Amino acid sequence: MISVLVVLVLVHFSSGCLDFSPGVSPDRQNLYAPEGEKEIIELPEPVLQGGMTVERAIAERRSVRSYQEEPLTLQEVSQLLWAAQGITEEARGLRAVPSAGALYPLKVYILVGEEEDLKTGIYKYRPHQNELVKLQGGDLRPSLYEAALSQSPVKEAPVVMVITAKYYITTSHYGERGIRYVHMEAGHAGQNVYLQGVSLGIQGVVIGAFEEEEVRNLLSLSSEEEPLYLIPLGK
């Protein structure tokens, strides 16, 4: 009887069940890794009572490619990031968009150009801590503009959101079908950002035409992380 139990336990561990159960992303093992000397910016809590109905936001959603020279506030940036990947249930770590197996392969970055509450630079969003990690200083929008085939919204928007994916987080559980699931999830996140933006008076446009390697190099992404979406955002 004991030997049978041992075999069952070994099979359970070797199958990877514990690593890839719903709601437990294999990428979370580094979630609380120390950030060294990198600057951490705590974000305001999201506001859950808006002044616009979902129906009105859907009706008014448009893709807008030109913006005023006005920076976004930290509260506005926080709200947009929350809409893309923010935590909506702490106990299970659930986020603002559906994810196959609750694995959450998407990562979110922002490039800040126009200054107000945030200095220019590249930041990575950490949803569980509701904070930004500053990865690099300076206005990198011109470089992203070149990588995005010289599309003017990328250079003109005060903030550009970049959504990336680590496919293996999902494909390790669902196989090749996981690629489709990741793309679906990116679409969910993009639409959330659109609608949240409308409710805040912020416009944007989703961009998929860019040189992947150039974007990866600009954000210092690993070979396992693919850029999927650029979303210039402004007023």
C-alpha atoms as a PDB file:
ATOM      1  CA  MET A   1       0.000   0.000   0.000  1.00  0.00           C
ATOM      2  CA  ILE A   2       2.813   2.415   0.909  1.00  0.00           C
ATOM      3  CA  SER A   3       4.644   1.749  -2.366  1.00  0.00           C
ATOM      4  CA  VAL A   4       1.459   2.464  -4.330  1.00  0.00           C
ATOM      5  CA  LEU A   5       1.035   5.800  -2.552  1.00  0.00           C
ATOM      6  CA  VAL A   6       4.647   6.741  -3.268  1.00  0.00           C
ATOM      7  CA  VAL A   7       4.181   5.991  -6.967  1.00  0.00           C
ATOM      8  CA  LEU A   8       1.011   8.098  -7.088  1.00  0.00           C
ATOM      9  CA  VAL A   9       2.755  11.038  -5.439  1.00  0.00           C
ATOM     10  CA  LEU A  10       5.702  10.836  -7.830  1.00  0.00           C
ATOM     11  CA  VAL A  11       3.390  10.728 -10.843  1.00  0.00           C
ATOM     12  CA  HIS A  12       1.483  13.729  -9.521  1.00  0.00           C
ATOM     13  CA  PHE A  13       4.629  15.826  -9.141  1.00  0.00           C
ATOM     14  CA  SER A  14       6.243  14.754 -12.412  1.00  0.00           C
ATOM     15  CA  SER A  15       3.094  15.576 -14.379  1.00  0.00           C
ATOM     16  CA  GLY A  16       3.472  19.249 -13.516  1.00  0.00           C
ATOM     17  CA  CYS A  17      -0.046  19.440 -12.041  1.00  0.00           C
ATOM     18  CA  LEU A  18       1.058  21.583  -9.162  1.00  0.00           C
ATOM     19  CA  ASP A  19       2.890  24.069 -11.348  1.00  0.00           C
ATOM     20  CA  PHE A  20       0.116  24.675 -13.834  1.00  0.00           C
ATOM     21  CA  SER A  21      -3.112  24.450 -11.871  1.00  0.00           C
ATOM     22  CA  PRO A  22      -5.639  27.187 -12.656  1.00  0.00           C
ATOM     23  CA  GLY A  23      -4.605  30.453 -11.064  1.00  0.00           C
ATOM     24  CA  VAL A  24      -0.957  29.459 -10.533  1.00  0.00           C
ATOM     25  CA  SER A  25       1.247  30.851 -13.268  1.00  0.00           C
ATOM     26  CA  PRO A  26       4.736  29.317 -13.508  1.00  0.00           C
ATOM     27  CA  ASP A  27       5.997  32.861 -13.983  1.00  0.00           C
ATOM     28  CA  ARG A  28       4.865  33.875 -10.487  1.00  0.00           C
ATOM     29  CA  GLN A  29       7.886  32.274  -8.838  1.00  0.00           C
ATOM     30  CA  ASN A  30       9.740  35.519  -9.618  1.00  0.00           C
ATOM     31  CA  LEU A  31       6.830  37.768  -8.719  1.00  0.00           C
ATOM     32  CA  TYR A  32       8.475  39.123  -5.597  1.00  0.00           C
ATOM     33  CA  ALA A  33      12.063  39.020  -6.827  1.00  0.00           C
ATOM     34  CA  PRO A  34      14.114  41.949  -5.510  1.00  0.00           C
ATOM     35  CA  GLU A  35      14.331  44.871  -7.921  1.00  0.00           C
ATOM     36  CA  GLY A  36      17.733  46.072  -6.695  1.00  0.00           C
ATOM     37  CA  GLU A  37      18.157  49.797  -7.084  1.00  0.00           C
ATOM     38  CA  LYS A  38      15.250  50.229  -9.502  1.00  0.00           C
ATOM     39  CA  GLU A  39      12.751  52.925  -8.647  1.00  0.00           C
ATOM     40  CA  ILE A  40       9.348  51.701  -7.453  1.00  0.00           C
ATOM     41  CA  ILE A  41       6.241  53.865  -7.891  1.00  0.00           C
ATOM     42  CA  GLU A  42       3.194  52.952  -5.844  1.00  0.00           C
ATOM     43  CA  LEU A  43      -0.028  53.403  -7.801  1.00  0.00           C
ATOM     44  CA  PRO A  44      -3.316  54.804  -6.498  1.00  0.00           C
ATOM     45  CA  GLU A  45      -6.066  52.269  -5.943  1.00  0.00           C
ATOM     46  CA  PRO A  46      -8.457  51.903  -8.903  1.00  0.00           C
ATOM     47  CA  VAL A  47     -11.759  53.748  -8.757  1.00  0.00           C
ATOM     48  CA  LEU A  48     -14.627  51.276  -9.098  1.00  0.00           C
ATOM     49  CA  GLN A  49     -17.468  53.777  -9.448  1.00  0.00           C
ATOM     50  CA  GLY A  50     -17.179  55.588 -12.783  1.00  0.00           C
ATOM     51  CA  GLY A  51     -19.328  58.289 -14.298  1.00  0.00           C
ATOM     52  CA  MET A  52     -20.133  56.458 -17.543  1.00  0.00           C
ATOM     53  CA  THR A  53     -22.106  53.302 -18.275  1.00  0.00           C
ATOM     54  CA  VAL A  54     -20.525  50.400 -20.129  1.00  0.00           C
ATOM     55  CA  GLU A  55     -23.065  50.898 -22.928  1.00  0.00           C
ATOM     56  CA  ARG A  56     -22.079  54.540 -23.385  1.00  0.00           C
ATOM     57  CA  ALA A  57     -18.363  53.665 -23.380  1.00  0.00           C
ATOM     58  CA  ILE A  58     -18.946  51.034 -26.080  1.00  0.00           C
ATOM     59  CA  ALA A  59     -20.950  53.497 -28.165  1.00  0.00           C
ATOM     60  CA  GLU A  60     -18.296  56.212 -27.916  1.00  0.00           C
ATOM     61  CA  ARG A  61     -15.208  54.034 -28.407  1.00  0.00           C
ATOM     62  CA  ARG A  62     -13.104  55.130 -31.357  1.00  0.00           C
ATOM     63  CA  SER A  63      -9.516  54.650 -32.510  1.00  0.00           C
ATOM     64  CA  VAL A  64      -7.877  58.068 -32.206  1.00  0.00           C
ATOM     65  CA  ARG A  65      -4.414  58.835 -33.583  1.00  0.00           C
ATOM     66  CA  SER A  66      -3.769  62.425 -32.474  1.00  0.00           C
ATOM     67  CA  TYR A  67      -3.540  63.827 -28.949  1.00  0.00           C
ATOM     68  CA  GLN A  68      -3.124  67.044 -27.011  1.00  0.00           C
ATOM     69  CA  GLU A  69       0.213  67.875 -25.402  1.00  0.00           C
ATOM     70  CA  GLU A  70      -1.130  67.039 -21.973  1.00  0.00           C
ATOM     71  CA  PRO A  71       0.335  64.373 -19.679  1.00  0.00           C
ATOM     72  CA  LEU A  72      -1.791  61.756 -17.968  1.00  0.00           C
ATOM     73  CA  THR A  73      -2.111  61.827 -14.199  1.00  0.00           C
ATOM     74  CA  LEU A  74      -0.872  58.959 -12.065  1.00  0.00           C
ATOM     75  CA  GLN A  75      -4.489  58.105 -11.197  1.00  0.00           C
ATOM     76  CA  GLU A  76      -5.356  57.875 -14.894  1.00  0.00           C
ATOM     77  CA  VAL A  77      -2.328  55.714 -15.642  1.00  0.00           C
ATOM     78  CA  SER A  78      -3.181  53.469 -12.700  1.00  0.00           C
ATOM     79  CA  GLN A  79      -6.767  53.091 -13.884  1.00  0.00           C
ATOM     80  CA  LEU A  80      -5.694  52.123 -17.413  1.00  0.00           C
ATOM     81  CA  LEU A  81      -3.170  49.585 -16.131  1.00  0.00           C
ATOM     82  CA  TRP A  82      -5.789  48.104 -13.806  1.00  0.00           C
ATOM     83  CA  ALA A  83      -8.183  47.740 -16.746  1.00  0.00           C
ATOM     84  CA  ALA A  84      -5.496  45.870 -18.696  1.00  0.00           C
ATOM     85  CA  GLN A  85      -4.247  43.456 -16.020  1.00  0.00           C
ATOM     86  CA  GLY A  86      -5.238  44.683 -12.573  1.00  0.00           C
ATOM     87  CA  ILE A  87      -6.232  42.419  -9.704  1.00  0.00           C
ATOM     88  CA  THR A  88      -9.984  42.095  -9.164  1.00  0.00           C
ATOM     89  CA  GLU A  89      -9.980  39.304  -6.577  1.00  0.00           C
ATOM     90  CA  GLU A  90      -7.066  39.103  -4.176  1.00  0.00           C
ATOM     91  CA  ALA A  91      -7.804  35.650  -2.753  1.00  0.00           C
ATOM     92  CA  ARG A  92      -7.412  33.865  -6.088  1.00  0.00           C
ATOM     93  CA  GLY A  93      -5.302  36.464  -7.851  1.00  0.00           C
ATOM     94  CA  LEU A  94      -7.917  36.992 -10.546  1.00  0.00           C
ATOM     95  CA  ARG A  95      -7.443  39.890 -12.941  1.00  0.00           C
ATOM     96  CA  ALA A  96      -9.547  42.286 -15.001  1.00  0.00           C
ATOM     97  CA  VAL A  97      -9.493  40.077 -18.109  1.00  0.00           C
ATOM     98  CA  PRO A  98     -10.312  36.383 -18.538  1.00  0.00           C
ATOM     99  CA  SER A  99      -7.313  34.092 -18.939  1.00  0.00           C
ATOM    100  CA  ALA A 100      -7.245  30.407 -19.887  1.00  0.00           C
ATOM    101  CA  GLY A 101      -6.651  28.495 -16.671  1.00  0.00           C
ATOM    102  CA  ALA A 102      -6.143  31.819 -14.885  1.00  0.00           C
ATOM    103  CA  LEU A 103      -2.472  31.571 -15.892  1.00  0.00           C
ATOM    104  CA  TYR A 104      -2.051  35.207 -17.025  1.00  0.00           C
ATOM    105  CA  PRO A 105       0.777  35.154 -19.595  1.00  0.00           C
ATOM    106  CA  LEU A 106       0.493  38.882 -20.386  1.00  0.00           C
ATOM    107  CA  LYS A 107       2.878  41.565 -19.104  1.00  0.00           C
ATOM    108  CA  VAL A 108       2.288  45.309 -19.348  1.00  0.00           C
ATOM    109  CA  TYR A 109       4.806  48.125 -19.820  1.00  0.00           C
ATOM    110  CA  ILE A 110       4.402  51.847 -20.370  1.00  0.00           C
ATOM    111  CA  LEU A 111       6.650  54.385 -22.063  1.00  0.00           C
ATOM    112  CA  VAL A 112       6.152  57.836 -20.568  1.00  0.00           C
ATOM    113  CA  GLY A 113       7.036  60.961 -22.528  1.00  0.00           C
ATOM    114  CA  GLU A 114       5.066  63.943 -21.257  1.00  0.00           C
ATOM    115  CA  GLU A 115       5.835  64.432 -17.572  1.00  0.00           C
ATOM    116  CA  GLU A 116       3.480  65.193 -14.710  1.00  0.00           C
ATOM    117  CA  ASP A 117       3.293  62.579 -11.986  1.00  0.00           C
ATOM    118  CA  LEU A 118       5.732  60.217 -13.727  1.00  0.00           C
ATOM    119  CA  LYS A 119       9.202  60.966 -15.041  1.00  0.00           C
ATOM    120  CA  THR A 120       9.996  59.993 -18.614  1.00  0.00           C
ATOM    121  CA  GLY A 121      11.102  56.406 -19.040  1.00  0.00           C
ATOM    122  CA  ILE A 122      10.026  52.792 -19.383  1.00  0.00           C
ATOM    123  CA  TYR A 123       8.053  51.176 -16.577  1.00  0.00           C
ATOM    124  CA  LYS A 124       6.806  47.649 -15.921  1.00  0.00           C
ATOM    125  CA  TYR A 125       3.460  47.096 -14.217  1.00  0.00           C
ATOM    126  CA  ARG A 126       3.330  44.713 -11.262  1.00  0.00           C
ATOM    127  CA  PRO A 127      -0.383  44.005 -10.756  1.00  0.00           C
ATOM    128  CA  HIS A 128      -0.175  42.084  -7.480  1.00  0.00           C
ATOM    129  CA  GLN A 129       1.632  44.965  -5.801  1.00  0.00           C
ATOM    130  CA  ASN A 130      -0.225  47.643  -7.807  1.00  0.00           C
ATOM    131  CA  GLU A 131       3.017  49.412  -8.616  1.00  0.00           C
ATOM    132  CA  LEU A 132       5.370  50.355 -11.416  1.00  0.00           C
ATOM    133  CA  VAL A 133       9.038  49.442 -11.646  1.00  0.00           C
ATOM    134  CA  LYS A 134      11.138  51.943 -13.555  1.00  0.00           C
ATOM    135  CA  LEU A 135      13.355  50.051 -15.975  1.00  0.00           C
ATOM    136  CA  GLN A 136      15.012  52.904 -17.848  1.00  0.00           C
ATOM    137  CA  GLY A 137      14.959  56.697 -17.828  1.00  0.00           C
ATOM    138  CA  GLY A 138      14.548  59.133 -20.693  1.00  0.00           C
ATOM    139  CA  ASP A 139      11.993  59.598 -23.455  1.00  0.00           C
ATOM    140  CA  LEU A 140      12.155  56.400 -25.499  1.00  0.00           C
ATOM    141  CA  ARG A 141       9.090  57.148 -27.628  1.00  0.00           C
ATOM    142  CA  PRO A 142      11.155  58.195 -30.670  1.00  0.00           C
ATOM    143  CA  SER A 143      12.877  54.792 -30.637  1.00  0.00           C
ATOM    144  CA  LEU A 144       9.540  53.017 -30.317  1.00  0.00           C
ATOM    145  CA  TYR A 145       8.215  55.220 -33.138  1.00  0.00           C
ATOM    146  CA  GLU A 146      10.973  53.925 -35.414  1.00  0.00           C
ATOM    147  CA  ALA A 147      10.255  50.339 -34.376  1.00  0.00           C
ATOM    148  CA  ALA A 148       6.553  50.924 -35.094  1.00  0.00           C
ATOM    149  CA  LEU A 149       7.219  51.811 -38.733  1.00  0.00           C
ATOM    150  CA  SER A 150       7.053  55.564 -38.059  1.00  0.00           C
ATOM    151  CA  GLN A 151       3.429  55.658 -36.932  1.00  0.00           C
ATOM    152  CA  SER A 152       2.910  59.135 -35.485  1.00  0.00           C
ATOM    153  CA  PRO A 153       0.645  58.214 -32.509  1.00  0.00           C
ATOM    154  CA  VAL A 154       3.557  56.344 -30.913  1.00  0.00           C
ATOM    155  CA  LYS A 155       5.682  59.491 -30.871  1.00  0.00           C
ATOM    156  CA  GLU A 156       2.900  61.955 -30.007  1.00  0.00           C
ATOM    157  CA  ALA A 157       0.984  60.180 -27.222  1.00  0.00           C
ATOM    158  CA  PRO A 158       2.113  61.099 -23.688  1.00  0.00           C
ATOM    159  CA  VAL A 159       1.942  57.428 -22.700  1.00  0.00           C
ATOM    160  CA  VAL A 160       2.325  54.294 -24.802  1.00  0.00           C
ATOM    161  CA  MET A 161       1.253  50.993 -23.294  1.00  0.00           C
ATOM    162  CA  VAL A 162       3.014  47.856 -24.518  1.00  0.00           C
ATOM    163  CA  ILE A 163       1.410  44.474 -23.892  1.00  0.00           C
ATOM    164  CA  THR A 164       3.675  41.436 -24.171  1.00  0.00           C
ATOM    165  CA  ALA A 165       3.199  37.716 -23.647  1.00  0.00           C
ATOM    166  CA  LYS A 166       5.182  34.773 -22.390  1.00  0.00           C
ATOM    167  CA  TYR A 167       3.520  32.056 -24.448  1.00  0.00           C
ATOM    168  CA  TYR A 168       5.050  29.158 -22.544  1.00  0.00           C
ATOM    169  CA  ILE A 169       3.000  30.017 -19.475  1.00  0.00           C
ATOM    170  CA  THR A 170      -0.123  28.982 -21.382  1.00  0.00           C
ATOM    171  CA  THR A 171       1.228  26.517 -23.954  1.00  0.00           C
ATOM    172  CA  SER A 172       2.900  24.425 -21.245  1.00  0.00           C
ATOM    173  CA  HIS A 173      -0.604  23.659 -20.024  1.00  0.00           C
ATOM    174  CA  TYR A 174      -2.685  23.713 -23.229  1.00  0.00           C
ATOM    175  CA  GLY A 175      -0.175  22.898 -25.956  1.00  0.00           C
ATOM    176  CA  GLU A 176      -0.326  24.719 -29.297  1.00  0.00           C
ATOM    177  CA  ARG A 177      -3.927  25.714 -28.618  1.00  0.00           C
ATOM    178  CA  GLY A 178      -2.531  27.988 -25.926  1.00  0.00           C
ATOM    179  CA  ILE A 179      -1.200  30.368 -28.590  1.00  0.00           C
ATOM    180  CA  ARG A 180      -4.772  31.161 -29.595  1.00  0.00           C
ATOM    181  CA  TYR A 181      -5.741  31.623 -25.962  1.00  0.00           C
ATOM    182  CA  VAL A 182      -2.940  34.149 -25.454  1.00  0.00           C
ATOM    183  CA  HIS A 183      -4.067  36.170 -28.471  1.00  0.00           C
ATOM    184  CA  MET A 184      -7.655  36.134 -27.230  1.00  0.00           C
ATOM    185  CA  GLU A 185      -6.486  37.404 -23.854  1.00  0.00           C
ATOM    186  CA  ALA A 186      -4.520  40.238 -25.442  1.00  0.00           C
ATOM    187  CA  GLY A 187      -7.677  41.274 -27.282  1.00  0.00           C
ATOM    188  CA  HIS A 188      -9.627  41.299 -24.023  1.00  0.00           C
ATOM    189  CA  ALA A 189      -6.977  43.529 -22.439  1.00  0.00           C
ATOM    190  CA  GLY A 190      -6.909  45.910 -25.397  1.00  0.00           C
ATOM    191  CA  GLN A 191     -10.673  46.390 -25.367  1.00  0.00           C
ATOM    192  CA  ASN A 192     -10.648  46.958 -21.613  1.00  0.00           C
ATOM    193  CA  VAL A 193      -8.070  49.711 -22.066  1.00  0.00           C
ATOM    194  CA  TYR A 194     -10.149  51.283 -24.843  1.00  0.00           C
ATOM    195  CA  LEU A 195     -13.332  51.352 -22.740  1.00  0.00           C
ATOM    196  CA  GLN A 196     -11.609  52.506 -19.568  1.00  0.00           C
ATOM    197  CA  GLY A 197      -9.983  55.262 -21.579  1.00  0.00           C
ATOM    198  CA  VAL A 198     -13.317  56.451 -22.965  1.00  0.00           C
ATOM    199  CA  SER A 199     -14.729  56.724 -19.451  1.00  0.00           C
ATOM    200  CA  LEU A 200     -11.729  58.879 -18.446  1.00  0.00           C
ATOM    201  CA  GLY A 201     -11.736  61.087 -21.533  1.00  0.00           C
ATOM    202  CA  ILE A 202      -8.578  59.381 -22.804  1.00  0.00           C
ATOM    203  CA  GLN A 203      -8.251  58.258 -26.413  1.00  0.00           C
ATOM    204  CA  GLY A 204      -6.045  55.618 -27.965  1.00  0.00           C
ATOM    205  CA  VAL A 205      -5.410  53.272 -30.842  1.00  0.00           C
ATOM    206  CA  VAL A 206      -4.165  49.693 -30.843  1.00  0.00           C
ATOM    207  CA  ILE A 207      -1.148  49.065 -33.085  1.00  0.00           C
ATOM    208  CA  GLY A 208       0.103  45.708 -34.285  1.00  0.00           C
ATOM    209  CA  ALA A 209       2.494  46.824 -37.026  1.00  0.00           C
ATOM    210  CA  PHE A 210       6.005  46.973 -35.586  1.00  0.00           C
ATOM    211  CA  GLU A 211       9.387  45.285 -35.749  1.00  0.00           C
ATOM    212  CA  GLU A 212       9.282  42.707 -32.966  1.00  0.00           C
ATOM    213  CA  GLU A 213      13.020  42.485 -32.395  1.00  0.00           C
ATOM    214  CA  GLU A 214      13.396  46.246 -32.143  1.00  0.00           C
ATOM    215  CA  VAL A 215      10.606  46.476 -29.576  1.00  0.00           C
ATOM    216  CA  ARG A 216      12.056  43.531 -27.665  1.00  0.00           C
ATOM    217  CA  ASN A 217      15.485  45.161 -27.566  1.00  0.00           C
ATOM    218  CA  LEU A 218      14.063  48.514 -26.484  1.00  0.00           C
ATOM    219  CA  LEU A 219      12.258  46.918 -23.539  1.00  0.00           C
ATOM    220  CA  SER A 220      15.124  44.469 -22.837  1.00  0.00           C
ATOM    221  CA  LEU A 221      12.741  41.523 -23.117  1.00  0.00           C
ATOM    222  CA  SER A 222      13.967  37.951 -22.940  1.00  0.00           C
ATOM    223  CA  SER A 223      13.678  35.667 -25.962  1.00  0.00           C
ATOM    224  CA  GLU A 224      10.661  34.048 -24.271  1.00  0.00           C
ATOM    225  CA  GLU A 225       8.652  37.290 -24.175  1.00  0.00           C
ATOM    226  CA  GLU A 226       6.893  38.558 -27.302  1.00  0.00           C
ATOM    227  CA  PRO A 227       5.504  42.077 -27.814  1.00  0.00           C
ATOM    228  CA  LEU A 228       1.898  41.893 -29.058  1.00  0.00           C
ATOM    229  CA  TYR A 229       0.265  45.292 -28.729  1.00  0.00           C
ATOM    230  CA  LEU A 230       1.238  48.948 -28.716  1.00  0.00           C
ATOM    231  CA  ILE A 231      -1.449  51.302 -27.385  1.00  0.00           C
ATOM    232  CA  PRO A 232      -0.682  55.042 -27.576  1.00  0.00           C
ATOM    233  CA  LEU A 233      -2.877  56.906 -25.055  1.00  0.00           C
ATOM    234  CA  GLY A 234      -3.641  60.599 -24.655  1.00  0.00           C
ATOM    235  CA  LYS A 235      -6.315  63.289 -24.440  1.00  0.00           C
END
